[in-house]
Amino acid sequence: MQNAGVRDRVQKLLEQHGQNERMLDAYWQWATNPTPPAAGYALEENGGFIATNLLIRYGEPAITVVTQLSDECRELRKEASVYDVQQAVLEVLNSPVGQVLRDGILERLHTDTPARKFLAAWLVARARWCFRQGPNAWIAGELDWSLGTDLETAANDARSPVACNLFGAAAAEADVVREAMAVGIVNRLFYRSQGGRMEPKLRPGPRIPLSAIAYADRT
């Protein structure tokens, strides 16, 4: 059962960062760390990965952001388990508190370039392949663990004749995973298994409503 007090503590803390997109982004990444408890969470190892994701996304160094994140999360962990803090962060950032973060993702996704247009259309098509529809349909979020694997194979979709005709050769040549990382749809984070195997994994960003995507069917 989640520590009741930590939810309120996280709510107040993230409200203080409510207009700081980079800090909210860093918190989301910290909370979606793929390393399991049995492997020790690897929180320190993920610091560098979080900083790199932020640099790709915002174009400026993020050491100060990651240092502050580490300090604040260390204090939160004095009150509750890592798991409870992570769940509280996800819950709060999926609420109106995380609107700045979601708006930033949508703004970058809708940048008028062939690669971004292809990515947006691909995300909409993928949601429909997953039978997501209706007013509550979404394209990414903490439950969408297969998104990273699907993105790694999306380059084949970008090279298809239909995609080339619709979005041009520039989209076919784009690094779709890097585009998704630059947008904030996914993050490359550090993973360590219980047996000690280490590798980067792609984990989804915040839950984005399908209806907010420019290529979604609004009928």
Protein backbone atom coordinates (compact mmCIF):
# COMPACT_ATOMS: atom_id res chain seq x y z
CA MET A 1 0.00 0.00 0.00
CA GLN A 2 1.33 3.43 -0.95
CA ASN A 3 2.47 5.67 1.88
CA ALA A 4 -0.37 8.22 2.13
CA GLY A 5 1.89 11.04 3.26
CA VAL A 6 4.33 10.75 0.38
CA ARG A 7 1.59 11.48 -2.17
CA ASP A 8 0.94 14.85 -0.57
CA ARG A 9 4.65 15.57 -0.23
CA VAL A 10 5.26 14.78 -3.91
CA GLN A 11 2.23 16.83 -4.93
CA LYS A 12 3.52 19.93 -3.13
CA LEU A 13 7.05 19.49 -4.44
CA LEU A 14 6.02 19.03 -8.06
CA GLU A 15 3.60 21.94 -7.84
CA GLN A 16 6.61 24.09 -6.91
CA HIS A 17 8.26 22.89 -10.14
CA GLY A 18 5.00 23.26 -12.08
CA GLN A 19 6.40 25.68 -14.68
CA ASN A 20 9.82 24.02 -14.91
CA GLU A 21 9.43 21.55 -17.74
CA ARG A 22 12.95 20.16 -17.47
CA MET A 23 12.56 19.36 -13.78
CA LEU A 24 9.18 17.68 -14.30
CA ASP A 25 10.73 15.73 -17.16
CA ALA A 26 13.61 14.61 -14.94
CA TYR A 27 11.15 13.45 -12.27
CA TRP A 28 9.20 11.43 -14.83
CA GLN A 29 12.37 9.70 -15.96
CA TRP A 30 13.43 8.99 -12.38
CA ALA A 31 10.03 7.41 -11.71
CA THR A 32 10.12 5.20 -14.83
CA ASN A 33 13.58 3.79 -14.12
CA PRO A 34 13.43 0.24 -15.55
CA THR A 35 15.86 -1.38 -13.07
CA PRO A 36 13.83 -3.50 -10.61
CA PRO A 37 14.09 -3.38 -6.82
CA ALA A 38 15.83 -6.76 -6.75
CA ALA A 39 18.67 -5.21 -8.79
CA GLY A 40 18.91 -2.15 -6.55
CA TYR A 41 17.07 0.38 -8.77
CA ALA A 42 20.39 1.79 -10.14
CA LEU A 43 19.30 5.34 -9.32
CA GLU A 44 22.81 6.78 -9.45
CA GLU A 45 23.61 5.11 -12.78
CA ASN A 46 20.45 6.58 -14.28
CA GLY A 47 21.51 10.13 -13.48
CA GLY A 48 23.75 10.33 -16.53
CA PHE A 49 21.06 8.84 -18.77
CA ILE A 50 18.51 11.38 -17.53
CA ALA A 51 20.94 14.24 -18.18
CA THR A 52 21.58 12.97 -21.72
CA ASN A 53 17.86 12.71 -22.49
CA LEU A 54 17.36 16.27 -21.27
CA LEU A 55 20.30 17.53 -23.34
CA ILE A 56 18.91 15.90 -26.49
CA ARG A 57 15.49 17.38 -25.79
CA TYR A 58 16.26 20.90 -24.62
CA GLY A 59 19.71 21.50 -26.10
CA GLU A 60 21.43 22.58 -22.91
CA PRO A 61 23.38 20.85 -20.12
CA ALA A 62 21.25 19.40 -17.33
CA ILE A 63 23.74 18.60 -14.57
CA THR A 64 22.17 21.15 -12.21
CA VAL A 65 18.70 19.73 -12.83
CA VAL A 66 19.81 16.15 -12.20
CA THR A 67 21.73 17.14 -9.05
CA GLN A 68 18.68 18.89 -7.63
CA LEU A 69 16.50 15.92 -8.60
CA SER A 70 18.84 13.53 -6.80
CA ASP A 71 18.85 15.67 -3.65
CA GLU A 72 15.08 16.04 -3.54
CA CYS A 73 14.41 12.36 -4.22
CA ARG A 74 16.88 11.39 -1.52
CA GLU A 75 14.80 13.40 0.96
CA LEU A 76 11.56 11.81 -0.29
CA ARG A 77 13.06 8.35 0.16
CA LYS A 78 13.49 9.06 3.87
CA GLU A 79 9.69 9.04 4.14
CA ALA A 80 8.76 6.13 1.86
CA SER A 81 10.12 3.35 -0.31
CA VAL A 82 11.51 4.08 -3.77
CA TYR A 83 8.53 2.28 -5.29
CA ASP A 84 6.01 4.40 -3.37
CA VAL A 85 7.77 7.61 -4.36
CA GLN A 86 7.90 6.53 -8.00
CA GLN A 87 4.20 5.71 -8.05
CA ALA A 88 3.34 9.02 -6.40
CA VAL A 89 5.40 10.92 -8.98
CA LEU A 90 3.66 9.15 -11.87
CA GLU A 91 0.24 9.80 -10.38
CA VAL A 92 0.94 13.51 -9.84
CA LEU A 93 2.53 14.04 -13.26
CA ASN A 94 -0.43 12.35 -14.95
CA SER A 95 -2.64 14.96 -13.26
CA PRO A 96 -2.92 18.67 -14.17
CA VAL A 97 0.38 19.26 -12.37
CA GLY A 98 2.17 17.68 -15.36
CA GLN A 99 0.41 19.77 -18.02
CA VAL A 100 3.52 21.83 -18.85
CA LEU A 101 5.43 18.63 -19.51
CA ARG A 102 2.72 17.21 -21.78
CA ASP A 103 2.33 20.53 -23.64
CA GLY A 104 6.06 20.60 -24.33
CA ILE A 105 5.95 17.11 -25.81
CA LEU A 106 3.05 18.02 -28.07
CA GLU A 107 4.74 21.23 -29.23
CA ARG A 108 7.88 19.33 -30.23
CA LEU A 109 5.90 16.50 -31.80
CA HIS A 110 4.04 18.97 -34.00
CA THR A 111 7.21 20.63 -35.30
CA ASP A 112 6.83 20.97 -39.06
CA THR A 113 9.53 18.59 -40.26
CA PRO A 114 9.14 15.36 -42.29
CA ALA A 115 10.54 13.23 -39.46
CA ARG A 116 8.20 14.69 -36.82
CA LYS A 117 5.20 14.40 -39.14
CA PHE A 118 6.02 10.75 -39.74
CA LEU A 119 6.49 10.10 -36.00
CA ALA A 120 3.13 11.68 -35.14
CA ALA A 121 1.32 9.71 -37.84
CA TRP A 122 3.10 6.50 -36.80
CA LEU A 123 2.08 6.99 -33.16
CA VAL A 124 -1.56 7.50 -34.15
CA ALA A 125 -1.51 4.41 -36.38
CA ARG A 126 0.13 2.36 -33.62
CA ALA A 127 -2.55 3.40 -31.12
CA ARG A 128 -5.20 2.18 -33.53
CA TRP A 129 -3.33 -1.08 -34.09
CA CYS A 130 -3.53 -1.49 -30.30
CA PHE A 131 -7.31 -0.86 -30.52
CA ARG A 132 -7.07 2.38 -28.56
CA GLN A 133 -9.96 4.63 -29.46
CA GLY A 134 -12.51 6.92 -27.90
CA PRO A 135 -12.08 10.05 -25.75
CA ASN A 136 -9.61 8.42 -23.35
CA ALA A 137 -7.27 6.87 -25.94
CA TRP A 138 -3.57 7.60 -25.48
CA ILE A 139 -0.29 7.17 -27.36
CA ALA A 140 2.31 6.87 -24.58
CA GLY A 141 2.56 6.46 -20.85
CA GLU A 142 3.98 4.32 -18.09
CA LEU A 143 1.83 1.33 -19.11
CA ASP A 144 2.99 1.43 -22.72
CA TRP A 145 6.14 -0.63 -22.21
CA SER A 146 6.16 -2.06 -25.74
CA LEU A 147 6.51 1.41 -27.28
CA GLY A 148 10.31 1.32 -27.08
CA THR A 149 10.57 -2.02 -28.85
CA ASP A 150 8.12 -0.89 -31.53
CA LEU A 151 10.05 2.33 -32.13
CA GLU A 152 13.26 0.40 -32.70
CA THR A 153 11.59 -1.35 -35.65
CA ALA A 154 9.77 1.76 -36.92
CA ALA A 155 12.58 2.64 -39.34
CA ASN A 156 11.24 -0.06 -41.67
CA ASP A 157 7.85 1.66 -41.66
CA ALA A 158 9.48 4.99 -42.50
CA ARG A 159 11.12 3.47 -45.58
CA SER A 160 7.91 2.05 -46.98
CA PRO A 161 6.69 3.46 -50.34
CA VAL A 162 3.58 4.90 -48.71
CA ALA A 163 5.58 6.74 -46.01
CA CYS A 164 8.06 8.03 -48.57
CA ASN A 165 5.24 9.38 -50.73
CA LEU A 166 3.50 11.02 -47.78
CA PHE A 167 6.46 12.38 -45.83
CA GLY A 168 9.36 12.41 -48.29
CA ALA A 169 12.80 10.85 -48.37
CA ALA A 170 13.93 12.94 -45.39
CA ALA A 171 11.51 11.07 -43.11
CA ALA A 172 12.75 7.72 -44.40
CA GLU A 173 16.32 8.68 -43.52
CA ALA A 174 15.48 9.94 -40.02
CA ASP A 175 16.54 8.17 -36.83
CA VAL A 176 13.02 7.54 -35.52
CA VAL A 177 14.16 6.58 -32.02
CA ARG A 178 16.23 9.74 -31.65
CA GLU A 179 13.31 11.82 -32.92
CA ALA A 180 11.07 10.20 -30.30
CA MET A 181 13.68 10.90 -27.63
CA ALA A 182 13.99 14.53 -28.76
CA VAL A 183 10.22 14.91 -28.55
CA GLY A 184 9.90 13.20 -25.15
CA ILE A 185 7.80 10.25 -26.26
CA VAL A 186 10.47 7.90 -24.91
CA ASN A 187 13.58 8.06 -22.73
CA ARG A 188 16.67 5.87 -22.94
CA LEU A 189 17.34 4.75 -19.37
CA PHE A 190 19.76 2.42 -17.63
CA TYR A 191 18.62 -1.13 -16.92
CA ARG A 192 20.30 -3.73 -14.74
CA SER A 193 18.79 -7.16 -14.26
CA GLN A 194 18.83 -9.09 -11.02
CA GLY A 195 21.50 -11.27 -12.58
CA GLY A 196 23.70 -8.26 -13.34
CA ARG A 197 23.04 -7.84 -17.07
CA MET A 198 23.23 -4.15 -18.05
CA GLU A 199 21.82 -2.35 -21.08
CA PRO A 200 19.91 0.79 -22.07
CA LYS A 201 16.15 0.47 -22.47
CA LEU A 202 13.56 2.77 -23.97
CA ARG A 203 10.78 3.72 -21.58
CA PRO A 204 7.71 5.83 -22.42
CA GLY A 205 7.22 9.44 -21.50
CA PRO A 206 4.00 10.86 -20.00
CA ARG A 207 0.60 9.74 -21.21
CA ILE A 208 -0.45 11.86 -24.18
CA PRO A 209 -4.10 11.94 -25.31
CA LEU A 210 -4.56 10.60 -28.81
CA SER A 211 -7.10 13.38 -29.45
CA ALA A 212 -4.35 15.99 -28.95
CA ILE A 213 -2.26 14.70 -31.85
CA ALA A 214 -2.61 16.72 -35.04
CA TYR A 215 -2.97 13.51 -37.08
CA ALA A 216 -5.68 11.99 -34.93
CA ASP A 217 -9.20 11.54 -36.30
CA ARG A 218 -11.31 14.12 -34.50
CA THR A 219 -14.65 12.85 -35.77
